Amino acid sequence: MSEPGNPREIFSYSSTVKISYERHGRGPTPVVFLHGFAAALTTWHDLLPFFSEMEHTLYLLDLKGFGFSSKPRDRRYTMEEQAAIVAAFLEWRGLTNVVLVGHSLGGGIALLAYMQAGGEGKANPIGRLVLIAPAAYPQRLPRIMRWLRNPLLGWSILHLLPLRFMVRYTLQHVFYDHRAITEERIARYMTCFGRRGIGYVFIATCRQLVPERYVHLPGRYPEIVAPTLIIWGEHDRIIRPRHGEMLRAAIPGSQLKIISGCGHIPHEERPAETYGAMEEFIPGKAQ
């Protein structure tokens, strides 16, 4: 697979929302990646070398408000809004039989996108799901997200704390093996955290993540017919691995892979092992 550095492309969802994405490879199997909260499409760069550019075409999206995508002050940063944008992107690109990969918040968005895309008698363009520690069940939000829900406290955190300190603090709470917190990785996240307008996006997203709003979703998981792979870090402190067991039991025929010695972001902390879990599941061959 080609190295990171491909020019970013733009999907115009509306006059005010432009979605930044990267495309890698030219193979027949489309794989679309959705990152988690406080991340960007760069979170997937560690996985790129494992995919065959002749077998796969990878689409790495910056969700609305994150990375280089638009950050309108429209108060529309719900999971439903993000899922609608993903579904519109798939339709715009004319993609079918998509492997949709979502991590954390992006995993919850992937589930919603699957449910939305198959409505109203339409053929669902999503053929397979890969859910990496997804936000699939209502739970108490992580501490940093609870802080950001308070506009004054959130503003203070985002504007008064040194950016490098904030990034390192966050990574130390999501990574199990702190050796993976390299200067290169810190710089990668500083680029995500440092974009103009990102403070508003973080606060708006956290304020609209109301767990009670999604209590009905688990009841729909048995309706999922797409082959589904669930991946979890053994030592995830953000979304506990027991949620993976619950999701595996809820989605018929789904598989659960636990990555040992790993925290909340397996594709960054243990990319080889994460790809190993995905290799037999995703159509196409490795390099």
C-alpha atoms as a PDB file:
ATOM      1  CA  MET A   1       0.000   0.000   0.000  1.00  0.00           C
ATOM      2  CA  SER A   2       1.218   3.512  -0.742  1.00  0.00           C
ATOM      3  CA  GLU A   3       2.785   5.487   2.096  1.00  0.00           C
ATOM      4  CA  PRO A   4       0.901   8.292   3.891  1.00  0.00           C
ATOM      5  CA  GLY A   5       1.152  11.594   2.094  1.00  0.00           C
ATOM      6  CA  ASN A   6      -1.445  11.221  -0.639  1.00  0.00           C
ATOM      7  CA  PRO A   7      -3.103  14.573  -1.358  1.00  0.00           C
ATOM      8  CA  ARG A   8      -6.294  15.043   0.605  1.00  0.00           C
ATOM      9  CA  GLU A   9      -9.507  15.030  -1.373  1.00  0.00           C
ATOM     10  CA  ILE A  10     -12.786  16.758  -0.539  1.00  0.00           C
ATOM     11  CA  PHE A  11     -16.386  15.559  -0.403  1.00  0.00           C
ATOM     12  CA  SER A  12     -18.864  18.458  -0.350  1.00  0.00           C
ATOM     13  CA  TYR A  13     -21.696  17.281   1.850  1.00  0.00           C
ATOM     14  CA  SER A  14     -23.277  20.731   1.889  1.00  0.00           C
ATOM     15  CA  SER A  15     -22.377  24.357   1.321  1.00  0.00           C
ATOM     16  CA  THR A  16     -20.924  24.528   4.836  1.00  0.00           C
ATOM     17  CA  VAL A  17     -19.629  20.983   5.361  1.00  0.00           C
ATOM     18  CA  LYS A  18     -16.624  19.789   3.384  1.00  0.00           C
ATOM     19  CA  ILE A  19     -15.285  16.374   4.356  1.00  0.00           C
ATOM     20  CA  SER A  20     -11.570  15.750   3.992  1.00  0.00           C
ATOM     21  CA  TYR A  21     -10.474  12.239   3.059  1.00  0.00           C
ATOM     22  CA  GLU A  22      -7.543  10.276   1.678  1.00  0.00           C
ATOM     23  CA  ARG A  23      -7.671   7.502  -0.892  1.00  0.00           C
ATOM     24  CA  HIS A  24      -5.023   4.796  -1.023  1.00  0.00           C
ATOM     25  CA  GLY A  25      -4.743   1.891  -3.450  1.00  0.00           C
ATOM     26  CA  ARG A  26      -6.725   0.963  -6.537  1.00  0.00           C
ATOM     27  CA  GLY A  27      -8.075  -2.490  -5.776  1.00  0.00           C
ATOM     28  CA  PRO A  28     -11.650  -3.767  -6.172  1.00  0.00           C
ATOM     29  CA  THR A  29     -12.459  -3.996  -2.442  1.00  0.00           C
ATOM     30  CA  PRO A  30     -13.467  -0.628  -0.917  1.00  0.00           C
ATOM     31  CA  VAL A  31     -12.589  -0.202   2.763  1.00  0.00           C
ATOM     32  CA  VAL A  32     -13.844   2.967   4.507  1.00  0.00           C
ATOM     33  CA  PHE A  33     -12.332   4.014   7.845  1.00  0.00           C
ATOM     34  CA  LEU A  34     -13.963   6.174  10.555  1.00  0.00           C
ATOM     35  CA  HIS A  35     -11.795   7.476  13.401  1.00  0.00           C
ATOM     36  CA  GLY A  36     -12.776   8.076  17.018  1.00  0.00           C
ATOM     37  CA  PHE A  37     -13.237  11.194  19.125  1.00  0.00           C
ATOM     38  CA  ALA A  38     -10.325  13.683  19.236  1.00  0.00           C
ATOM     39  CA  ALA A  39      -8.600  11.899  16.361  1.00  0.00           C
ATOM     40  CA  ALA A  40      -8.417  12.230  12.575  1.00  0.00           C
ATOM     41  CA  LEU A  41      -7.830  10.087   9.515  1.00  0.00           C
ATOM     42  CA  THR A  42      -4.122   9.934  10.393  1.00  0.00           C
ATOM     43  CA  THR A  43      -4.962   7.402  13.124  1.00  0.00           C
ATOM     44  CA  TRP A  44      -5.132   4.762  10.364  1.00  0.00           C
ATOM     45  CA  HIS A  45      -1.731   5.448   8.823  1.00  0.00           C
ATOM     46  CA  ASP A  46      -0.056   2.680  10.827  1.00  0.00           C
ATOM     47  CA  LEU A  47      -2.276   0.127   9.068  1.00  0.00           C
ATOM     48  CA  LEU A  48      -1.612   1.299   5.504  1.00  0.00           C
ATOM     49  CA  PRO A  49       1.533  -0.773   4.843  1.00  0.00           C
ATOM     50  CA  PHE A  50      -0.348  -4.021   5.487  1.00  0.00           C
ATOM     51  CA  PHE A  51      -2.943  -3.595   2.731  1.00  0.00           C
ATOM     52  CA  SER A  52      -2.362  -4.527  -0.900  1.00  0.00           C
ATOM     53  CA  GLU A  53      -2.920  -1.575  -3.215  1.00  0.00           C
ATOM     54  CA  MET A  54      -3.914  -4.016  -5.983  1.00  0.00           C
ATOM     55  CA  GLU A  55      -6.599  -5.660  -3.847  1.00  0.00           C
ATOM     56  CA  HIS A  56      -8.034  -2.762  -1.831  1.00  0.00           C
ATOM     57  CA  THR A  57      -9.009   0.874  -2.164  1.00  0.00           C
ATOM     58  CA  LEU A  58      -8.907   2.531   1.234  1.00  0.00           C
ATOM     59  CA  TYR A  59     -10.899   5.659   2.043  1.00  0.00           C
ATOM     60  CA  LEU A  60      -9.796   7.409   5.244  1.00  0.00           C
ATOM     61  CA  LEU A  61     -12.317  10.038   6.349  1.00  0.00           C
ATOM     62  CA  ASP A  62     -11.970  13.014   8.658  1.00  0.00           C
ATOM     63  CA  LEU A  63     -15.361  13.137  10.364  1.00  0.00           C
ATOM     64  CA  LYS A  64     -17.206  16.446  10.323  1.00  0.00           C
ATOM     65  CA  GLY A  65     -15.335  18.895  12.550  1.00  0.00           C
ATOM     66  CA  PHE A  66     -12.190  16.787  12.894  1.00  0.00           C
ATOM     67  CA  GLY A  67      -8.854  16.852  11.107  1.00  0.00           C
ATOM     68  CA  PHE A  68      -9.087  18.975   7.982  1.00  0.00           C
ATOM     69  CA  SER A  69     -12.881  18.723   7.578  1.00  0.00           C
ATOM     70  CA  SER A  70     -15.138  21.753   8.027  1.00  0.00           C
ATOM     71  CA  LYS A  71     -15.919  22.928  11.546  1.00  0.00           C
ATOM     72  CA  PRO A  72     -19.164  24.899  11.221  1.00  0.00           C
ATOM     73  CA  ARG A  73     -20.712  26.311  14.386  1.00  0.00           C
ATOM     74  CA  ASP A  74     -24.044  24.723  13.580  1.00  0.00           C
ATOM     75  CA  ARG A  75     -24.457  22.636  16.769  1.00  0.00           C
ATOM     76  CA  ARG A  76     -24.912  19.529  14.606  1.00  0.00           C
ATOM     77  CA  TYR A  77     -22.303  17.090  15.884  1.00  0.00           C
ATOM     78  CA  THR A  78     -24.490  14.143  16.798  1.00  0.00           C
ATOM     79  CA  MET A  79     -23.695  10.561  15.844  1.00  0.00           C
ATOM     80  CA  GLU A  80     -26.757  10.660  13.584  1.00  0.00           C
ATOM     81  CA  GLU A  81     -25.370  13.644  11.670  1.00  0.00           C
ATOM     82  CA  GLN A  82     -21.987  11.955  11.237  1.00  0.00           C
ATOM     83  CA  ALA A  83     -23.637   8.700  10.109  1.00  0.00           C
ATOM     84  CA  ALA A  84     -25.741  10.564   7.533  1.00  0.00           C
ATOM     85  CA  ILE A  85     -22.562  12.130   6.131  1.00  0.00           C
ATOM     86  CA  VAL A  86     -20.906   8.715   5.869  1.00  0.00           C
ATOM     87  CA  ALA A  87     -23.924   7.273   4.051  1.00  0.00           C
ATOM     88  CA  ALA A  88     -23.925  10.268   1.684  1.00  0.00           C
ATOM     89  CA  PHE A  89     -20.196   9.770   1.024  1.00  0.00           C
ATOM     90  CA  LEU A  90     -20.721   6.126   0.058  1.00  0.00           C
ATOM     91  CA  GLU A  91     -23.519   7.119  -2.301  1.00  0.00           C
ATOM     92  CA  TRP A  92     -21.481   9.982  -3.796  1.00  0.00           C
ATOM     93  CA  ARG A  93     -18.529   7.672  -4.487  1.00  0.00           C
ATOM     94  CA  GLY A  94     -20.870   4.986  -5.850  1.00  0.00           C
ATOM     95  CA  LEU A  95     -19.403   2.423  -3.470  1.00  0.00           C
ATOM     96  CA  THR A  96     -21.010  -0.975  -2.933  1.00  0.00           C
ATOM     97  CA  ASN A  97     -20.128  -4.003  -0.827  1.00  0.00           C
ATOM     98  CA  VAL A  98     -18.087  -1.693   1.398  1.00  0.00           C
ATOM     99  CA  VAL A  99     -16.056  -2.877   4.366  1.00  0.00           C
ATOM    100  CA  LEU A 100     -16.816  -0.168   6.933  1.00  0.00           C
ATOM    101  CA  VAL A 101     -14.250   0.120   9.733  1.00  0.00           C
ATOM    102  CA  GLY A 102     -14.996   2.278  12.768  1.00  0.00           C
ATOM    103  CA  HIS A 103     -13.093   2.906  15.986  1.00  0.00           C
ATOM    104  CA  SER A 104     -14.646   4.038  19.284  1.00  0.00           C
ATOM    105  CA  LEU A 105     -17.040   6.902  18.462  1.00  0.00           C
ATOM    106  CA  GLY A 106     -16.445   6.017  14.806  1.00  0.00           C
ATOM    107  CA  GLY A 107     -17.567   2.473  15.588  1.00  0.00           C
ATOM    108  CA  GLY A 108     -20.863   3.765  16.931  1.00  0.00           C
ATOM    109  CA  ILE A 109     -21.200   5.922  13.830  1.00  0.00           C
ATOM    110  CA  ALA A 110     -20.465   2.875  11.650  1.00  0.00           C
ATOM    111  CA  LEU A 111     -23.315   0.986  13.320  1.00  0.00           C
ATOM    112  CA  LEU A 112     -25.698   3.898  12.771  1.00  0.00           C
ATOM    113  CA  ALA A 113     -24.553   4.333   9.160  1.00  0.00           C
ATOM    114  CA  TYR A 114     -25.257   0.658   8.501  1.00  0.00           C
ATOM    115  CA  MET A 115     -28.763   0.988   9.924  1.00  0.00           C
ATOM    116  CA  GLN A 116     -29.479   4.222   8.056  1.00  0.00           C
ATOM    117  CA  ALA A 117     -28.077   3.067   4.718  1.00  0.00           C
ATOM    118  CA  GLY A 118     -30.316   0.015   4.555  1.00  0.00           C
ATOM    119  CA  GLY A 119     -33.567   1.855   5.137  1.00  0.00           C
ATOM    120  CA  GLU A 120     -36.487   2.596   2.828  1.00  0.00           C
ATOM    121  CA  GLY A 121     -36.004  -0.545   0.753  1.00  0.00           C
ATOM    122  CA  LYS A 122     -32.551   0.465  -0.489  1.00  0.00           C
ATOM    123  CA  ALA A 123     -29.790  -2.039  -1.026  1.00  0.00           C
ATOM    124  CA  ASN A 124     -27.288  -1.545   1.774  1.00  0.00           C
ATOM    125  CA  PRO A 125     -23.883  -0.505   0.339  1.00  0.00           C
ATOM    126  CA  ILE A 126     -22.162  -1.761   3.509  1.00  0.00           C
ATOM    127  CA  GLY A 127     -21.260  -5.404   3.082  1.00  0.00           C
ATOM    128  CA  ARG A 128     -19.090  -5.944   6.163  1.00  0.00           C
ATOM    129  CA  LEU A 129     -18.405  -4.220   9.472  1.00  0.00           C
ATOM    130  CA  VAL A 130     -15.154  -4.037  11.412  1.00  0.00           C
ATOM    131  CA  LEU A 131     -15.815  -2.473  14.811  1.00  0.00           C
ATOM    132  CA  ILE A 132     -12.761  -1.579  16.899  1.00  0.00           C
ATOM    133  CA  ALA A 133     -13.730  -0.897  20.528  1.00  0.00           C
ATOM    134  CA  PRO A 134     -16.940   0.750  19.289  1.00  0.00           C
ATOM    135  CA  ALA A 135     -19.223   3.021  21.288  1.00  0.00           C
ATOM    136  CA  ALA A 136     -22.026   0.489  20.980  1.00  0.00           C
ATOM    137  CA  TYR A 137     -23.676   0.662  24.403  1.00  0.00           C
ATOM    138  CA  PRO A 138     -24.667   3.612  26.591  1.00  0.00           C
ATOM    139  CA  GLN A 139     -22.079   4.220  29.301  1.00  0.00           C
ATOM    140  CA  ARG A 140     -20.709   6.997  31.441  1.00  0.00           C
ATOM    141  CA  LEU A 141     -18.525   9.225  29.297  1.00  0.00           C
ATOM    142  CA  PRO A 142     -14.752   9.189  29.937  1.00  0.00           C
ATOM    143  CA  ARG A 143     -13.545  11.851  32.369  1.00  0.00           C
ATOM    144  CA  ILE A 144     -12.024  14.156  29.757  1.00  0.00           C
ATOM    145  CA  MET A 145     -15.284  14.132  27.761  1.00  0.00           C
ATOM    146  CA  ARG A 146     -17.290  14.941  30.907  1.00  0.00           C
ATOM    147  CA  TRP A 147     -14.976  17.889  31.510  1.00  0.00           C
ATOM    148  CA  LEU A 148     -15.417  19.109  27.948  1.00  0.00           C
ATOM    149  CA  ARG A 149     -19.209  19.049  28.282  1.00  0.00           C
ATOM    150  CA  ASN A 150     -18.898  21.992  30.667  1.00  0.00           C
ATOM    151  CA  PRO A 151     -18.383  24.964  28.307  1.00  0.00           C
ATOM    152  CA  LEU A 152     -16.287  27.006  30.760  1.00  0.00           C
ATOM    153  CA  LEU A 153     -14.164  24.091  31.951  1.00  0.00           C
ATOM    154  CA  GLY A 154     -13.865  22.754  28.416  1.00  0.00           C
ATOM    155  CA  TRP A 155     -12.760  26.133  27.086  1.00  0.00           C
ATOM    156  CA  SER A 156     -10.180  26.414  29.884  1.00  0.00           C
ATOM    157  CA  ILE A 157      -8.741  22.959  29.154  1.00  0.00           C
ATOM    158  CA  LEU A 158      -8.507  23.581  25.429  1.00  0.00           C
ATOM    159  CA  HIS A 159      -7.144  27.134  25.590  1.00  0.00           C
ATOM    160  CA  LEU A 160      -5.057  27.338  28.752  1.00  0.00           C
ATOM    161  CA  LEU A 161      -3.287  23.981  28.904  1.00  0.00           C
ATOM    162  CA  PRO A 162      -0.204  23.546  26.689  1.00  0.00           C
ATOM    163  CA  LEU A 163      -1.134  21.544  23.591  1.00  0.00           C
ATOM    164  CA  ARG A 164       1.684  19.007  24.029  1.00  0.00           C
ATOM    165  CA  PHE A 165       0.677  18.372  27.653  1.00  0.00           C
ATOM    166  CA  MET A 166      -2.955  17.826  26.663  1.00  0.00           C
ATOM    167  CA  VAL A 167      -2.021  15.381  23.895  1.00  0.00           C
ATOM    168  CA  ARG A 168       0.387  13.393  26.077  1.00  0.00           C
ATOM    169  CA  TYR A 169      -2.133  13.254  28.948  1.00  0.00           C
ATOM    170  CA  THR A 170      -4.809  11.925  26.587  1.00  0.00           C
ATOM    171  CA  LEU A 171      -2.554   9.298  25.012  1.00  0.00           C
ATOM    172  CA  GLN A 172      -1.379   8.075  28.403  1.00  0.00           C
ATOM    173  CA  HIS A 173      -4.985   7.307  29.290  1.00  0.00           C
ATOM    174  CA  VAL A 174      -5.836   5.436  26.081  1.00  0.00           C
ATOM    175  CA  PHE A 175      -2.582   3.531  25.457  1.00  0.00           C
ATOM    176  CA  TYR A 176      -1.636   0.543  27.609  1.00  0.00           C
ATOM    177  CA  ASP A 177       1.954   0.316  26.342  1.00  0.00           C
ATOM    178  CA  HIS A 178       3.348   3.827  26.766  1.00  0.00           C
ATOM    179  CA  ARG A 179       6.332   2.970  24.575  1.00  0.00           C
ATOM    180  CA  ALA A 180       3.973   3.547  21.657  1.00  0.00           C
ATOM    181  CA  ILE A 181       3.620   7.216  22.674  1.00  0.00           C
ATOM    182  CA  THR A 182       6.432   8.445  20.461  1.00  0.00           C
ATOM    183  CA  GLU A 183       7.308  12.014  19.531  1.00  0.00           C
ATOM    184  CA  GLU A 184       6.017  11.301  16.028  1.00  0.00           C
ATOM    185  CA  ARG A 185       2.675  10.169  17.433  1.00  0.00           C
ATOM    186  CA  ILE A 186       2.424  13.201  19.709  1.00  0.00           C
ATOM    187  CA  ALA A 187       3.130  15.461  16.727  1.00  0.00           C
ATOM    188  CA  ARG A 188       0.426  13.639  14.741  1.00  0.00           C
ATOM    189  CA  TYR A 189      -2.179  14.337  17.420  1.00  0.00           C
ATOM    190  CA  MET A 190      -1.002  17.901  17.945  1.00  0.00           C
ATOM    191  CA  THR A 191      -1.915  18.511  14.317  1.00  0.00           C
ATOM    192  CA  CYS A 192      -5.426  17.172  15.040  1.00  0.00           C
ATOM    193  CA  PHE A 193      -5.849  19.062  18.326  1.00  0.00           C
ATOM    194  CA  GLY A 194      -4.365  22.283  17.024  1.00  0.00           C
ATOM    195  CA  ARG A 195      -6.746  23.022  14.146  1.00  0.00           C
ATOM    196  CA  ARG A 196      -8.639  26.307  14.316  1.00  0.00           C
ATOM    197  CA  GLY A 197     -12.182  25.775  15.618  1.00  0.00           C
ATOM    198  CA  ILE A 198     -11.501  22.326  17.089  1.00  0.00           C
ATOM    199  CA  GLY A 199     -12.374  23.498  20.618  1.00  0.00           C
ATOM    200  CA  TYR A 200     -15.941  24.221  19.574  1.00  0.00           C
ATOM    201  CA  VAL A 201     -16.167  20.811  17.868  1.00  0.00           C
ATOM    202  CA  PHE A 202     -14.886  18.930  20.930  1.00  0.00           C
ATOM    203  CA  ILE A 203     -17.304  20.702  23.276  1.00  0.00           C
ATOM    204  CA  ALA A 204     -20.297  20.452  20.910  1.00  0.00           C
ATOM    205  CA  THR A 205     -19.673  16.746  20.285  1.00  0.00           C
ATOM    206  CA  CYS A 206     -19.369  15.923  23.982  1.00  0.00           C
ATOM    207  CA  ARG A 207     -22.491  17.898  24.885  1.00  0.00           C
ATOM    208  CA  GLN A 208     -24.500  16.009  22.246  1.00  0.00           C
ATOM    209  CA  LEU A 209     -23.267  12.576  23.316  1.00  0.00           C
ATOM    210  CA  VAL A 210     -26.133  11.850  25.680  1.00  0.00           C
ATOM    211  CA  PRO A 211     -26.012   8.116  26.550  1.00  0.00           C
ATOM    212  CA  GLU A 212     -29.753   7.965  27.238  1.00  0.00           C
ATOM    213  CA  ARG A 213     -30.357   8.990  23.637  1.00  0.00           C
ATOM    214  CA  TYR A 214     -29.023   5.656  22.392  1.00  0.00           C
ATOM    215  CA  VAL A 215     -30.551   3.166  24.823  1.00  0.00           C
ATOM    216  CA  HIS A 216     -32.736   1.759  22.022  1.00  0.00           C
ATOM    217  CA  LEU A 217     -29.872   0.893  19.666  1.00  0.00           C
ATOM    218  CA  PRO A 218     -28.724  -2.394  21.259  1.00  0.00           C
ATOM    219  CA  GLY A 219     -32.187  -3.797  20.588  1.00  0.00           C
ATOM    220  CA  ARG A 220     -31.492  -3.435  16.855  1.00  0.00           C
ATOM    221  CA  TYR A 221     -28.126  -5.201  16.795  1.00  0.00           C
ATOM    222  CA  PRO A 222     -29.690  -8.650  16.186  1.00  0.00           C
ATOM    223  CA  GLU A 223     -31.007  -7.192  12.885  1.00  0.00           C
ATOM    224  CA  ILE A 224     -27.473  -6.798  11.522  1.00  0.00           C
ATOM    225  CA  VAL A 225     -26.914  -9.338   8.761  1.00  0.00           C
ATOM    226  CA  ALA A 226     -23.549  -8.093   7.495  1.00  0.00           C
ATOM    227  CA  PRO A 227     -20.559 -10.213   8.556  1.00  0.00           C
ATOM    228  CA  THR A 228     -19.094  -8.374  11.535  1.00  0.00           C
ATOM    229  CA  LEU A 229     -15.649  -8.466  13.134  1.00  0.00           C
ATOM    230  CA  ILE A 230     -15.220  -6.907  16.581  1.00  0.00           C
ATOM    231  CA  ILE A 231     -11.707  -6.037  17.795  1.00  0.00           C
ATOM    232  CA  TRP A 232     -10.848  -4.957  21.332  1.00  0.00           C
ATOM    233  CA  GLY A 233      -7.734  -4.163  23.323  1.00  0.00           C
ATOM    234  CA  GLU A 234      -7.330  -6.419  26.349  1.00  0.00           C
ATOM    235  CA  HIS A 235      -6.622  -3.455  28.652  1.00  0.00           C
ATOM    236  CA  ASP A 236      -9.048  -0.885  27.234  1.00  0.00           C
ATOM    237  CA  ARG A 237      -9.953   1.555  30.024  1.00  0.00           C
ATOM    238  CA  ILE A 238     -12.169   3.807  27.901  1.00  0.00           C
ATOM    239  CA  ILE A 239     -14.725   1.224  26.728  1.00  0.00           C
ATOM    240  CA  ARG A 240     -14.423  -2.006  28.673  1.00  0.00           C
ATOM    241  CA  PRO A 241     -13.855  -5.288  26.769  1.00  0.00           C
ATOM    242  CA  ARG A 242     -17.021  -6.745  28.302  1.00  0.00           C
ATOM    243  CA  HIS A 243     -18.904  -4.566  25.813  1.00  0.00           C
ATOM    244  CA  GLY A 244     -17.218  -6.592  23.092  1.00  0.00           C
ATOM    245  CA  GLU A 245     -18.634  -9.787  24.543  1.00  0.00           C
ATOM    246  CA  MET A 246     -22.073  -8.202  24.696  1.00  0.00           C
ATOM    247  CA  LEU A 247     -21.852  -7.050  21.087  1.00  0.00           C
ATOM    248  CA  ARG A 248     -20.611 -10.441  19.862  1.00  0.00           C
ATOM    249  CA  ALA A 249     -23.594 -12.081  21.529  1.00  0.00           C
ATOM    250  CA  ALA A 250     -25.999  -9.521  20.034  1.00  0.00           C
ATOM    251  CA  ILE A 251     -24.865  -9.566  16.368  1.00  0.00           C
ATOM    252  CA  PRO A 252     -25.575 -12.957  14.779  1.00  0.00           C
ATOM    253  CA  GLY A 253     -22.456 -14.736  13.543  1.00  0.00           C
ATOM    254  CA  SER A 254     -20.084 -11.959  14.613  1.00  0.00           C
ATOM    255  CA  GLN A 255     -16.490 -12.625  15.651  1.00  0.00           C
ATOM    256  CA  LEU A 256     -14.584 -11.088  18.556  1.00  0.00           C
ATOM    257  CA  LYS A 257     -10.795 -10.752  18.595  1.00  0.00           C
ATOM    258  CA  ILE A 258      -8.993  -9.535  21.717  1.00  0.00           C
ATOM    259  CA  ILE A 259      -5.562  -7.913  21.221  1.00  0.00           C
ATOM    260  CA  SER A 260      -3.342  -8.675  24.204  1.00  0.00           C
ATOM    261  CA  GLY A 261      -1.137  -6.040  25.836  1.00  0.00           C
ATOM    262  CA  CYS A 262      -3.175  -3.282  24.243  1.00  0.00           C
ATOM    263  CA  GLY A 263      -5.396  -0.368  25.243  1.00  0.00           C
ATOM    264  CA  HIS A 264      -8.131   1.565  23.472  1.00  0.00           C
ATOM    265  CA  ILE A 265      -6.451   2.137  20.074  1.00  0.00           C
ATOM    266  CA  PRO A 266      -5.267  -1.269  18.777  1.00  0.00           C
ATOM    267  CA  HIS A 267      -4.612  -0.055  15.225  1.00  0.00           C
ATOM    268  CA  GLU A 268      -1.992   2.387  16.544  1.00  0.00           C
ATOM    269  CA  GLU A 269      -0.671   0.489  19.547  1.00  0.00           C
ATOM    270  CA  ARG A 270      -0.617  -2.966  17.906  1.00  0.00           C
ATOM    271  CA  PRO A 271      -1.091  -2.412  14.140  1.00  0.00           C
ATOM    272  CA  ALA A 272       0.365  -5.753  13.027  1.00  0.00           C
ATOM    273  CA  GLU A 273      -1.851  -7.712  15.412  1.00  0.00           C
ATOM    274  CA  THR A 274      -4.872  -5.610  14.470  1.00  0.00           C
ATOM    275  CA  TYR A 275      -4.325  -6.231  10.778  1.00  0.00           C
ATOM    276  CA  GLY A 276      -3.773  -9.903  11.555  1.00  0.00           C
ATOM    277  CA  ALA A 277      -7.260 -10.013  13.065  1.00  0.00           C
ATOM    278  CA  MET A 278      -8.659  -8.282   9.972  1.00  0.00           C
ATOM    279  CA  GLU A 279      -6.684 -10.147   7.319  1.00  0.00           C
ATOM    280  CA  GLU A 280      -8.901 -13.185   6.861  1.00  0.00           C
ATOM    281  CA  PHE A 281     -12.084 -11.176   7.336  1.00  0.00           C
ATOM    282  CA  ILE A 282     -11.558  -8.460   4.721  1.00  0.00           C
ATOM    283  CA  PRO A 283     -11.763  -9.682   1.103  1.00  0.00           C
ATOM    284  CA  GLY A 284      -8.490  -9.404  -0.787  1.00  0.00           C
ATOM    285  CA  LYS A 285      -4.964 -10.525  -0.135  1.00  0.00           C
ATOM    286  CA  ALA A 286      -2.182  -9.021   1.936  1.00  0.00           C
ATOM    287  CA  GLN A 287       1.016  -7.886   0.244  1.00  0.00           C
END
